[in-house]
Amino acid sequence: MLLEEGIKRFIRYLHDEKGYSKHTQRNYQVDLAQFAFFLAQEMALPLEENNPDFSIEKIESKTIRKFVGSLYGKLKRTTIARKLSAVRSFFLFLEKEGLIKTNPAGELQSPKLEKYIPSHLPVDEVFRLMDLPNRENSLGLRDLAILEVLYSCGIRVAELTGMNVTSIDYDQRLVKVTGKGNKERLVPIGRQALKAVKAYISATEEVRKRATQKGEGEPLFMNFRGGRLTTRSIGRIVKQYAGAGGLTEDISPHSMRHTFATHMLDGGADLRSVQELLGHKSLSTTQKYTHVSLDRLMEVYDKAHPRSG
């Protein structure tokens, strides 16, 4: 089988069988295209229209190792690990489908990653952030609702932008979001966040009446034309208020998710519950949030235990 056809089949599999988002599919496509370009250079093949094509059976383990080695010094280890993961997933798919006899990426190990500690805001800085939006106009009310929902629910920015007006159950105080792999889950929402959302919806009734949507439902968070806000727009909004508030951290929508998880754990929530709230598939993914809680626990221990000294 030719490499181009193999990649096409793999991307279709990610869409049809795995239900991956367009963003994730595009990342796989880009990583595999870079891999294919490197292979073509190694094999001294003509690069016709930047779309090299050759038999998958020609690809060897040593060539894949050389590809990974070429990335060091240019990219972060997390990015290298992601690209290697894309290559390994591609060959594993081919192997399971019986399209290759041997898997040249089967024995390759991911690079050791630097220990990542998520950034987060202290409680007082969260309160300061919530005080910044102007409650006298619809844009300020929208921005307040965005900040409140991000912190209250701990959802991903893509989950936030995908929310519709009907995603919220006000009586049960629950939000339905669609996470990775198109998996839906219910997340509790706090009263302050609900209050902010109601005020925002009330202030944008006229815009909502004029806006026409194309079968996607009525978006909860809109731009001034009534269209659905993008993840990039949400990122700009969060950074704008973080800068206005003089916050020291480089705050992003993902930082609000980190803050939610950290404060939940500090407040006594167990790791399994936080895992469910965040929509993490693996508990190990959630464990990175325990660093602050452990610091706090050690401080309490040192102060309280008679034999801690």
C-alpha atoms as a PDB file:
ATOM      1  CA  MET A   1       0.000   0.000   0.000  1.00  0.00           C
ATOM      2  CA  LEU A   2       1.158   3.533  -0.785  1.00  0.00           C
ATOM      3  CA  LEU A   3       1.728   5.903   2.111  1.00  0.00           C
ATOM      4  CA  GLU A   4      -0.750   8.531   0.926  1.00  0.00           C
ATOM      5  CA  GLU A   5      -3.603   6.011   0.747  1.00  0.00           C
ATOM      6  CA  GLY A   6      -2.657   4.607   4.163  1.00  0.00           C
ATOM      7  CA  ILE A   7      -2.803   8.071   5.751  1.00  0.00           C
ATOM      8  CA  LYS A   8      -6.190   8.763   4.121  1.00  0.00           C
ATOM      9  CA  ARG A   9      -7.589   5.505   5.525  1.00  0.00           C
ATOM     10  CA  PHE A  10      -6.211   6.314   8.975  1.00  0.00           C
ATOM     11  CA  ILE A  11      -7.767   9.796   9.045  1.00  0.00           C
ATOM     12  CA  ARG A  12     -11.127   8.327   7.958  1.00  0.00           C
ATOM     13  CA  TYR A  13     -10.803   5.824  10.809  1.00  0.00           C
ATOM     14  CA  LEU A  14     -10.199   8.652  13.298  1.00  0.00           C
ATOM     15  CA  HIS A  15     -13.360  10.364  12.053  1.00  0.00           C
ATOM     16  CA  ASP A  16     -15.681   7.382  11.547  1.00  0.00           C
ATOM     17  CA  GLU A  17     -14.601   4.973  14.286  1.00  0.00           C
ATOM     18  CA  LYS A  18     -12.923   7.104  16.953  1.00  0.00           C
ATOM     19  CA  GLY A  19     -15.098  10.194  16.595  1.00  0.00           C
ATOM     20  CA  TYR A  20     -12.145  12.558  16.959  1.00  0.00           C
ATOM     21  CA  SER A  21     -12.708  16.285  16.492  1.00  0.00           C
ATOM     22  CA  LYS A  22     -11.691  18.072  13.285  1.00  0.00           C
ATOM     23  CA  HIS A  23      -8.917  19.800  15.234  1.00  0.00           C
ATOM     24  CA  THR A  24      -7.446  16.469  16.401  1.00  0.00           C
ATOM     25  CA  GLN A  25      -7.761  14.939  12.940  1.00  0.00           C
ATOM     26  CA  ARG A  26      -5.935  17.937  11.474  1.00  0.00           C
ATOM     27  CA  ASN A  27      -3.103  17.545  14.017  1.00  0.00           C
ATOM     28  CA  TYR A  28      -2.656  13.899  12.996  1.00  0.00           C
ATOM     29  CA  GLN A  29      -2.734  14.893   9.335  1.00  0.00           C
ATOM     30  CA  VAL A  30      -0.054  17.566   9.823  1.00  0.00           C
ATOM     31  CA  ASP A  31       2.223  15.306  11.883  1.00  0.00           C
ATOM     32  CA  LEU A  32       1.987  12.451   9.370  1.00  0.00           C
ATOM     33  CA  ALA A  33       2.558  14.816   6.444  1.00  0.00           C
ATOM     34  CA  GLN A  34       5.761  16.031   8.126  1.00  0.00           C
ATOM     35  CA  PHE A  35       6.795  12.406   8.655  1.00  0.00           C
ATOM     36  CA  ALA A  36       6.123  11.584   4.986  1.00  0.00           C
ATOM     37  CA  PHE A  37       8.139  14.602   3.827  1.00  0.00           C
ATOM     38  CA  PHE A  38      11.100  13.509   5.974  1.00  0.00           C
ATOM     39  CA  LEU A  39      10.915   9.968   4.578  1.00  0.00           C
ATOM     40  CA  ALA A  40      10.903  11.250   1.014  1.00  0.00           C
ATOM     41  CA  GLN A  41      14.030  13.282   1.723  1.00  0.00           C
ATOM     42  CA  GLU A  42      15.749  10.269   3.299  1.00  0.00           C
ATOM     43  CA  MET A  43      14.877   8.088   0.326  1.00  0.00           C
ATOM     44  CA  ALA A  44      15.886  10.805  -2.145  1.00  0.00           C
ATOM     45  CA  LEU A  45      12.457  10.688  -3.761  1.00  0.00           C
ATOM     46  CA  PRO A  46      11.105  13.519  -5.964  1.00  0.00           C
ATOM     47  CA  LEU A  47       8.789  15.783  -3.989  1.00  0.00           C
ATOM     48  CA  GLU A  48       5.944  16.235  -6.432  1.00  0.00           C
ATOM     49  CA  GLU A  49       3.611  19.016  -5.252  1.00  0.00           C
ATOM     50  CA  ASN A  50       4.925  18.540  -1.699  1.00  0.00           C
ATOM     51  CA  ASN A  51       3.045  15.243  -1.590  1.00  0.00           C
ATOM     52  CA  PRO A  52       5.590  12.414  -1.538  1.00  0.00           C
ATOM     53  CA  ASP A  53       4.213   8.925  -2.089  1.00  0.00           C
ATOM     54  CA  PHE A  54       5.825   5.501  -1.829  1.00  0.00           C
ATOM     55  CA  SER A  55       5.222   2.020  -0.461  1.00  0.00           C
ATOM     56  CA  ILE A  56       4.709   1.755   3.302  1.00  0.00           C
ATOM     57  CA  GLU A  57       6.636  -1.522   3.281  1.00  0.00           C
ATOM     58  CA  LYS A  58       9.847   0.436   2.569  1.00  0.00           C
ATOM     59  CA  ILE A  59       9.690   2.245   5.919  1.00  0.00           C
ATOM     60  CA  GLU A  60      12.099   0.863   8.551  1.00  0.00           C
ATOM     61  CA  SER A  61      12.421   1.367  12.315  1.00  0.00           C
ATOM     62  CA  LYS A  62      15.795   3.069  11.969  1.00  0.00           C
ATOM     63  CA  THR A  63      14.280   5.655   9.609  1.00  0.00           C
ATOM     64  CA  ILE A  64      11.513   6.460  12.108  1.00  0.00           C
ATOM     65  CA  ARG A  65      14.149   6.821  14.860  1.00  0.00           C
ATOM     66  CA  LYS A  66      16.069   9.184  12.607  1.00  0.00           C
ATOM     67  CA  PHE A  67      12.898  11.225  12.061  1.00  0.00           C
ATOM     68  CA  VAL A  68      12.362  11.550  15.818  1.00  0.00           C
ATOM     69  CA  GLY A  69      16.032  12.425  16.317  1.00  0.00           C
ATOM     70  CA  SER A  70      15.767  15.205  13.735  1.00  0.00           C
ATOM     71  CA  LEU A  71      13.128  16.931  15.874  1.00  0.00           C
ATOM     72  CA  TYR A  72      15.319  17.329  18.979  1.00  0.00           C
ATOM     73  CA  GLY A  73      16.663  20.819  19.440  1.00  0.00           C
ATOM     74  CA  LYS A  74      13.847  22.228  17.278  1.00  0.00           C
ATOM     75  CA  LEU A  75      10.716  21.294  19.234  1.00  0.00           C
ATOM     76  CA  LYS A  76       9.635  20.759  22.836  1.00  0.00           C
ATOM     77  CA  ARG A  77       9.680  17.202  24.089  1.00  0.00           C
ATOM     78  CA  THR A  78       5.903  17.254  24.477  1.00  0.00           C
ATOM     79  CA  THR A  79       5.560  18.121  20.776  1.00  0.00           C
ATOM     80  CA  ILE A  80       8.054  15.416  19.792  1.00  0.00           C
ATOM     81  CA  ALA A  81       6.132  12.897  21.892  1.00  0.00           C
ATOM     82  CA  ARG A  82       2.893  13.921  20.164  1.00  0.00           C
ATOM     83  CA  LYS A  83       4.388  13.478  16.689  1.00  0.00           C
ATOM     84  CA  LEU A  84       5.840  10.083  17.596  1.00  0.00           C
ATOM     85  CA  SER A  85       2.448   9.096  19.048  1.00  0.00           C
ATOM     86  CA  ALA A  86       0.797  10.001  15.726  1.00  0.00           C
ATOM     87  CA  VAL A  87       3.281   7.819  13.827  1.00  0.00           C
ATOM     88  CA  ARG A  88       2.874   4.910  16.252  1.00  0.00           C
ATOM     89  CA  SER A  89      -0.934   5.150  16.127  1.00  0.00           C
ATOM     90  CA  PHE A  90      -0.782   5.168  12.318  1.00  0.00           C
ATOM     91  CA  PHE A  91       1.286   2.001  12.109  1.00  0.00           C
ATOM     92  CA  LEU A  92      -0.757   0.281  14.816  1.00  0.00           C
ATOM     93  CA  PHE A  93      -3.880   0.967  12.752  1.00  0.00           C
ATOM     94  CA  LEU A  94      -2.235  -0.479   9.646  1.00  0.00           C
ATOM     95  CA  GLU A  95      -1.151  -3.553  11.612  1.00  0.00           C
ATOM     96  CA  LYS A  96      -4.620  -4.180  13.066  1.00  0.00           C
ATOM     97  CA  GLU A  97      -6.179  -3.795   9.624  1.00  0.00           C
ATOM     98  CA  GLY A  98      -3.734  -6.324   8.195  1.00  0.00           C
ATOM     99  CA  LEU A  99      -2.306  -3.759   5.783  1.00  0.00           C
ATOM    100  CA  ILE A 100       1.323  -4.330   6.879  1.00  0.00           C
ATOM    101  CA  LYS A 101       3.123  -7.509   7.940  1.00  0.00           C
ATOM    102  CA  THR A 102       5.441  -5.942  10.527  1.00  0.00           C
ATOM    103  CA  ASN A 103       5.112  -2.757  12.559  1.00  0.00           C
ATOM    104  CA  PRO A 104       8.325  -0.690  12.282  1.00  0.00           C
ATOM    105  CA  ALA A 105       7.163   1.659  15.059  1.00  0.00           C
ATOM    106  CA  GLY A 106       6.162  -1.076  17.494  1.00  0.00           C
ATOM    107  CA  GLU A 107       9.285  -0.959  19.674  1.00  0.00           C
ATOM    108  CA  LEU A 108       9.836   2.806  19.712  1.00  0.00           C
ATOM    109  CA  GLN A 109       9.685   4.532  23.092  1.00  0.00           C
ATOM    110  CA  SER A 110       8.350   8.034  23.710  1.00  0.00           C
ATOM    111  CA  PRO A 111      10.856  10.621  24.976  1.00  0.00           C
ATOM    112  CA  LYS A 112      10.884  11.318  28.692  1.00  0.00           C
ATOM    113  CA  LEU A 113       8.836  14.418  29.324  1.00  0.00           C
ATOM    114  CA  GLU A 114       9.668  17.323  31.575  1.00  0.00           C
ATOM    115  CA  LYS A 115       7.542  17.365  34.696  1.00  0.00           C
ATOM    116  CA  TYR A 116       4.620  19.632  33.929  1.00  0.00           C
ATOM    117  CA  ILE A 117       2.989  21.604  36.732  1.00  0.00           C
ATOM    118  CA  PRO A 118      -0.160  23.387  35.610  1.00  0.00           C
ATOM    119  CA  SER A 119      -0.488  27.113  36.265  1.00  0.00           C
ATOM    120  CA  HIS A 120      -3.418  28.190  38.385  1.00  0.00           C
ATOM    121  CA  LEU A 121      -4.823  31.209  40.186  1.00  0.00           C
ATOM    122  CA  PRO A 122      -5.165  31.629  43.950  1.00  0.00           C
ATOM    123  CA  VAL A 123      -8.744  32.077  45.147  1.00  0.00           C
ATOM    124  CA  ASP A 124      -8.343  35.812  45.794  1.00  0.00           C
ATOM    125  CA  GLU A 125      -7.089  36.392  42.238  1.00  0.00           C
ATOM    126  CA  VAL A 126     -10.073  34.490  40.827  1.00  0.00           C
ATOM    127  CA  PHE A 127     -12.385  36.832  42.735  1.00  0.00           C
ATOM    128  CA  ARG A 128     -10.414  39.818  41.429  1.00  0.00           C
ATOM    129  CA  LEU A 129     -10.764  38.485  37.868  1.00  0.00           C
ATOM    130  CA  MET A 130     -14.540  38.174  38.251  1.00  0.00           C
ATOM    131  CA  ASP A 131     -14.798  41.807  39.379  1.00  0.00           C
ATOM    132  CA  LEU A 132     -13.260  43.168  36.161  1.00  0.00           C
ATOM    133  CA  PRO A 133     -15.976  42.768  33.457  1.00  0.00           C
ATOM    134  CA  ASN A 134     -18.348  45.710  33.003  1.00  0.00           C
ATOM    135  CA  ARG A 135     -21.819  44.631  34.114  1.00  0.00           C
ATOM    136  CA  GLU A 136     -23.439  47.624  32.395  1.00  0.00           C
ATOM    137  CA  ASN A 137     -23.252  46.276  28.825  1.00  0.00           C
ATOM    138  CA  SER A 138     -23.862  42.984  27.046  1.00  0.00           C
ATOM    139  CA  LEU A 139     -20.201  42.346  26.147  1.00  0.00           C
ATOM    140  CA  GLY A 140     -19.136  42.753  29.767  1.00  0.00           C
ATOM    141  CA  LEU A 141     -21.947  40.443  30.877  1.00  0.00           C
ATOM    142  CA  ARG A 142     -20.863  37.909  28.255  1.00  0.00           C
ATOM    143  CA  ASP A 143     -17.252  38.017  29.401  1.00  0.00           C
ATOM    144  CA  LEU A 144     -18.278  37.627  33.030  1.00  0.00           C
ATOM    145  CA  ALA A 145     -20.407  34.610  32.132  1.00  0.00           C
ATOM    146  CA  ILE A 146     -17.466  33.074  30.226  1.00  0.00           C
ATOM    147  CA  LEU A 147     -15.096  33.497  33.179  1.00  0.00           C
ATOM    148  CA  GLU A 148     -17.675  32.219  35.658  1.00  0.00           C
ATOM    149  CA  VAL A 149     -18.520  29.104  33.616  1.00  0.00           C
ATOM    150  CA  LEU A 150     -14.857  28.251  32.958  1.00  0.00           C
ATOM    151  CA  TYR A 151     -14.059  28.446  36.663  1.00  0.00           C
ATOM    152  CA  SER A 152     -17.323  26.955  37.910  1.00  0.00           C
ATOM    153  CA  CYS A 153     -17.344  23.915  35.608  1.00  0.00           C
ATOM    154  CA  GLY A 154     -13.674  23.306  34.770  1.00  0.00           C
ATOM    155  CA  ILE A 155     -14.577  22.545  31.174  1.00  0.00           C
ATOM    156  CA  ARG A 156     -12.293  22.732  28.149  1.00  0.00           C
ATOM    157  CA  VAL A 157     -12.456  25.847  25.984  1.00  0.00           C
ATOM    158  CA  ALA A 158     -13.782  23.799  23.028  1.00  0.00           C
ATOM    159  CA  GLU A 159     -16.531  22.462  25.286  1.00  0.00           C
ATOM    160  CA  LEU A 160     -17.410  26.019  26.270  1.00  0.00           C
ATOM    161  CA  THR A 161     -17.672  27.262  22.686  1.00  0.00           C
ATOM    162  CA  GLY A 162     -19.805  24.242  21.791  1.00  0.00           C
ATOM    163  CA  MET A 163     -22.410  25.044  24.440  1.00  0.00           C
ATOM    164  CA  ASN A 164     -25.899  26.054  23.332  1.00  0.00           C
ATOM    165  CA  VAL A 165     -28.547  27.912  25.328  1.00  0.00           C
ATOM    166  CA  THR A 166     -30.275  24.548  25.829  1.00  0.00           C
ATOM    167  CA  SER A 167     -27.093  22.964  27.266  1.00  0.00           C
ATOM    168  CA  ILE A 168     -27.938  24.240  30.759  1.00  0.00           C
ATOM    169  CA  ASP A 169     -30.499  22.692  33.099  1.00  0.00           C
ATOM    170  CA  TYR A 170     -31.204  25.570  35.480  1.00  0.00           C
ATOM    171  CA  ASP A 171     -33.345  23.514  37.881  1.00  0.00           C
ATOM    172  CA  GLN A 172     -30.801  20.732  38.327  1.00  0.00           C
ATOM    173  CA  ARG A 173     -27.807  23.131  38.001  1.00  0.00           C
ATOM    174  CA  LEU A 174     -26.178  20.929  35.364  1.00  0.00           C
ATOM    175  CA  VAL A 175     -24.419  21.641  32.083  1.00  0.00           C
ATOM    176  CA  LYS A 176     -24.251  19.148  29.219  1.00  0.00           C
ATOM    177  CA  VAL A 177     -20.951  19.389  27.322  1.00  0.00           C
ATOM    178  CA  THR A 178     -19.446  17.420  24.460  1.00  0.00           C
ATOM    179  CA  GLY A 179     -15.841  16.474  25.193  1.00  0.00           C
ATOM    180  CA  LYS A 180     -13.087  14.615  23.378  1.00  0.00           C
ATOM    181  CA  GLY A 181     -14.265  11.824  21.101  1.00  0.00           C
ATOM    182  CA  ASN A 182     -17.731  13.453  21.003  1.00  0.00           C
ATOM    183  CA  LYS A 183     -18.463  12.037  24.450  1.00  0.00           C
ATOM    184  CA  GLU A 184     -21.153  13.890  26.365  1.00  0.00           C
ATOM    185  CA  ARG A 185     -21.043  14.404  30.107  1.00  0.00           C
ATOM    186  CA  LEU A 186     -22.977  16.359  32.721  1.00  0.00           C
ATOM    187  CA  VAL A 187     -21.106  18.875  34.873  1.00  0.00           C
ATOM    188  CA  PRO A 188     -22.468  20.797  37.884  1.00  0.00           C
ATOM    189  CA  ILE A 189     -22.555  24.583  37.601  1.00  0.00           C
ATOM    190  CA  GLY A 190     -22.441  27.017  40.521  1.00  0.00           C
ATOM    191  CA  ARG A 191     -25.128  29.546  41.383  1.00  0.00           C
ATOM    192  CA  GLN A 192     -22.884  32.548  40.657  1.00  0.00           C
ATOM    193  CA  ALA A 193     -22.149  31.209  37.176  1.00  0.00           C
ATOM    194  CA  LEU A 194     -25.852  30.565  36.546  1.00  0.00           C
ATOM    195  CA  LYS A 195     -26.667  34.094  37.643  1.00  0.00           C
ATOM    196  CA  ALA A 196     -24.079  35.494  35.212  1.00  0.00           C
ATOM    197  CA  VAL A 197     -25.370  33.333  32.331  1.00  0.00           C
ATOM    198  CA  LYS A 198     -28.984  34.390  32.925  1.00  0.00           C
ATOM    199  CA  ALA A 199     -28.005  38.077  32.970  1.00  0.00           C
ATOM    200  CA  TYR A 200     -26.062  37.646  29.720  1.00  0.00           C
ATOM    201  CA  ILE A 201     -28.891  35.812  27.934  1.00  0.00           C
ATOM    202  CA  SER A 202     -31.392  38.443  29.069  1.00  0.00           C
ATOM    203  CA  ALA A 203     -29.156  41.249  27.751  1.00  0.00           C
ATOM    204  CA  THR A 204     -28.777  39.626  24.317  1.00  0.00           C
ATOM    205  CA  GLU A 205     -32.393  38.719  23.538  1.00  0.00           C
ATOM    206  CA  GLU A 206     -32.611  41.063  20.536  1.00  0.00           C
ATOM    207  CA  VAL A 207     -29.341  39.858  19.024  1.00  0.00           C
ATOM    208  CA  ARG A 208     -30.465  36.257  19.440  1.00  0.00           C
ATOM    209  CA  LYS A 209     -33.745  36.937  17.654  1.00  0.00           C
ATOM    210  CA  ARG A 210     -31.903  38.419  14.659  1.00  0.00           C
ATOM    211  CA  ALA A 211     -29.188  35.747  14.504  1.00  0.00           C
ATOM    212  CA  THR A 212     -29.761  32.786  12.212  1.00  0.00           C
ATOM    213  CA  GLN A 213     -28.015  29.519  12.941  1.00  0.00           C
ATOM    214  CA  LYS A 214     -27.380  26.646  10.538  1.00  0.00           C
ATOM    215  CA  GLY A 215     -28.749  23.659  12.379  1.00  0.00           C
ATOM    216  CA  GLU A 216     -26.209  23.880  15.198  1.00  0.00           C
ATOM    217  CA  GLY A 217     -28.595  25.073  17.872  1.00  0.00           C
ATOM    218  CA  GLU A 218     -28.498  28.508  19.468  1.00  0.00           C
ATOM    219  CA  PRO A 219     -24.948  29.172  20.707  1.00  0.00           C
ATOM    220  CA  LEU A 220     -24.670  30.305  24.300  1.00  0.00           C
ATOM    221  CA  PHE A 221     -21.645  32.535  23.769  1.00  0.00           C
ATOM    222  CA  MET A 222     -21.818  34.793  20.712  1.00  0.00           C
ATOM    223  CA  ASN A 223     -19.810  37.463  18.967  1.00  0.00           C
ATOM    224  CA  PHE A 224     -21.392  40.845  18.219  1.00  0.00           C
ATOM    225  CA  ARG A 225     -22.926  39.482  14.991  1.00  0.00           C
ATOM    226  CA  GLY A 226     -24.677  36.655  16.802  1.00  0.00           C
ATOM    227  CA  GLY A 227     -22.295  33.933  15.605  1.00  0.00           C
ATOM    228  CA  ARG A 228     -20.681  31.328  17.831  1.00  0.00           C
ATOM    229  CA  LEU A 229     -17.500  32.468  19.567  1.00  0.00           C
ATOM    230  CA  THR A 230     -14.320  30.619  18.593  1.00  0.00           C
ATOM    231  CA  THR A 231     -11.804  29.082  20.995  1.00  0.00           C
ATOM    232  CA  ARG A 232      -9.286  31.712  19.892  1.00  0.00           C
ATOM    233  CA  SER A 233     -11.712  34.508  20.815  1.00  0.00           C
ATOM    234  CA  ILE A 234     -12.258  32.982  24.260  1.00  0.00           C
ATOM    235  CA  GLY A 235      -8.485  32.847  24.749  1.00  0.00           C
ATOM    236  CA  ARG A 236      -8.149  36.529  23.877  1.00  0.00           C
ATOM    237  CA  ILE A 237     -10.947  37.467  26.282  1.00  0.00           C
ATOM    238  CA  VAL A 238      -9.365  35.597  29.201  1.00  0.00           C
ATOM    239  CA  LYS A 239      -5.910  37.071  28.538  1.00  0.00           C
ATOM    240  CA  GLN A 240      -7.408  40.558  28.224  1.00  0.00           C
ATOM    241  CA  TYR A 241      -8.888  40.413  31.721  1.00  0.00           C
ATOM    242  CA  ALA A 242      -5.833  38.700  33.193  1.00  0.00           C
ATOM    243  CA  GLY A 243      -3.730  41.596  31.893  1.00  0.00           C
ATOM    244  CA  ALA A 244      -6.215  44.211  33.106  1.00  0.00           C
ATOM    245  CA  GLY A 245      -6.173  42.657  36.564  1.00  0.00           C
ATOM    246  CA  GLY A 246      -2.379  42.639  36.742  1.00  0.00           C
ATOM    247  CA  LEU A 247      -2.288  38.884  37.327  1.00  0.00           C
ATOM    248  CA  THR A 248       1.222  37.493  37.390  1.00  0.00           C
ATOM    249  CA  GLU A 249       0.480  34.172  35.660  1.00  0.00           C
ATOM    250  CA  ASP A 250       0.132  33.798  31.901  1.00  0.00           C
ATOM    251  CA  ILE A 251      -3.529  32.971  32.233  1.00  0.00           C
ATOM    252  CA  SER A 252      -5.450  31.102  29.539  1.00  0.00           C
ATOM    253  CA  PRO A 253      -8.794  29.265  29.420  1.00  0.00           C
ATOM    254  CA  HIS A 254      -6.858  26.097  30.276  1.00  0.00           C
ATOM    255  CA  SER A 255      -5.454  27.841  33.359  1.00  0.00           C
ATOM    256  CA  MET A 256      -9.036  28.317  34.541  1.00  0.00           C
ATOM    257  CA  ARG A 257      -9.535  24.564  34.190  1.00  0.00           C
ATOM    258  CA  HIS A 258      -6.357  23.980  36.220  1.00  0.00           C
ATOM    259  CA  THR A 259      -7.604  26.449  38.821  1.00  0.00           C
ATOM    260  CA  PHE A 260     -10.954  24.667  39.075  1.00  0.00           C
ATOM    261  CA  ALA A 261      -9.280  21.280  39.629  1.00  0.00           C
ATOM    262  CA  THR A 262      -6.786  22.614  42.168  1.00  0.00           C
ATOM    263  CA  HIS A 263      -9.432  24.424  44.215  1.00  0.00           C
ATOM    264  CA  MET A 264     -11.712  21.368  44.163  1.00  0.00           C
ATOM    265  CA  LEU A 265      -8.930  19.180  45.514  1.00  0.00           C
ATOM    266  CA  ASP A 266      -7.936  21.813  48.086  1.00  0.00           C
ATOM    267  CA  GLY A 267     -11.562  21.920  49.180  1.00  0.00           C
ATOM    268  CA  GLY A 268     -11.609  18.196  49.916  1.00  0.00           C
ATOM    269  CA  ALA A 269     -12.896  16.660  46.670  1.00  0.00           C
ATOM    270  CA  ASP A 270     -11.512  13.196  45.949  1.00  0.00           C
ATOM    271  CA  LEU A 271      -9.415  12.537  42.866  1.00  0.00           C
ATOM    272  CA  ARG A 272     -11.960  10.222  41.228  1.00  0.00           C
ATOM    273  CA  SER A 273     -14.697  12.853  41.429  1.00  0.00           C
ATOM    274  CA  VAL A 274     -12.435  15.505  39.915  1.00  0.00           C
ATOM    275  CA  GLN A 275     -11.496  13.037  37.167  1.00  0.00           C
ATOM    276  CA  GLU A 276     -15.190  12.647  36.290  1.00  0.00           C
ATOM    277  CA  LEU A 277     -15.805  16.399  36.370  1.00  0.00           C
ATOM    278  CA  LEU A 278     -12.855  17.098  34.066  1.00  0.00           C
ATOM    279  CA  GLY A 279     -13.787  14.286  31.689  1.00  0.00           C
ATOM    280  CA  HIS A 280     -10.377  12.636  31.940  1.00  0.00           C
ATOM    281  CA  LYS A 281     -10.168   9.100  30.585  1.00  0.00           C
ATOM    282  CA  SER A 282      -7.267   8.188  32.871  1.00  0.00           C
ATOM    283  CA  LEU A 283      -6.807   8.979  36.550  1.00  0.00           C
ATOM    284  CA  SER A 284      -3.097   9.601  35.934  1.00  0.00           C
ATOM    285  CA  THR A 285      -4.040  12.634  33.820  1.00  0.00           C
ATOM    286  CA  THR A 286      -5.861  14.122  36.804  1.00  0.00           C
ATOM    287  CA  GLN A 287      -3.037  13.395  39.262  1.00  0.00           C
ATOM    288  CA  LYS A 288      -0.933  16.280  37.919  1.00  0.00           C
ATOM    289  CA  TYR A 289      -3.337  18.610  39.734  1.00  0.00           C
ATOM    290  CA  THR A 290      -2.512  17.177  43.153  1.00  0.00           C
ATOM    291  CA  HIS A 291       0.799  19.043  43.543  1.00  0.00           C
ATOM    292  CA  VAL A 292      -0.766  22.100  45.174  1.00  0.00           C
ATOM    293  CA  SER A 293      -2.973  19.990  47.406  1.00  0.00           C
ATOM    294  CA  LEU A 294       0.048  17.986  48.544  1.00  0.00           C
ATOM    295  CA  ASP A 295       1.946  21.202  49.312  1.00  0.00           C
ATOM    296  CA  ARG A 296      -0.985  22.392  51.397  1.00  0.00           C
ATOM    297  CA  LEU A 297      -1.265  18.981  53.086  1.00  0.00           C
ATOM    298  CA  MET A 298       2.417  19.031  54.056  1.00  0.00           C
ATOM    299  CA  GLU A 299       2.038  22.536  55.483  1.00  0.00           C
ATOM    300  CA  VAL A 300      -0.901  21.410  57.612  1.00  0.00           C
ATOM    301  CA  TYR A 301       0.987  18.268  58.655  1.00  0.00           C
ATOM    302  CA  ASP A 302       4.101  20.178  59.678  1.00  0.00           C
ATOM    303  CA  LYS A 303       2.045  22.566  61.804  1.00  0.00           C
ATOM    304  CA  ALA A 304      -0.199  19.960  63.402  1.00  0.00           C
ATOM    305  CA  HIS A 305       1.745  16.735  63.913  1.00  0.00           C
ATOM    306  CA  PRO A 306       3.740  16.469  67.161  1.00  0.00           C
ATOM    307  CA  ARG A 307       6.516  14.451  65.520  1.00  0.00           C
ATOM    308  CA  SER A 308       6.758  16.301  62.218  1.00  0.00           C
ATOM    309  CA  GLY A 309       9.935  18.186  63.170  1.00  0.00           C
END
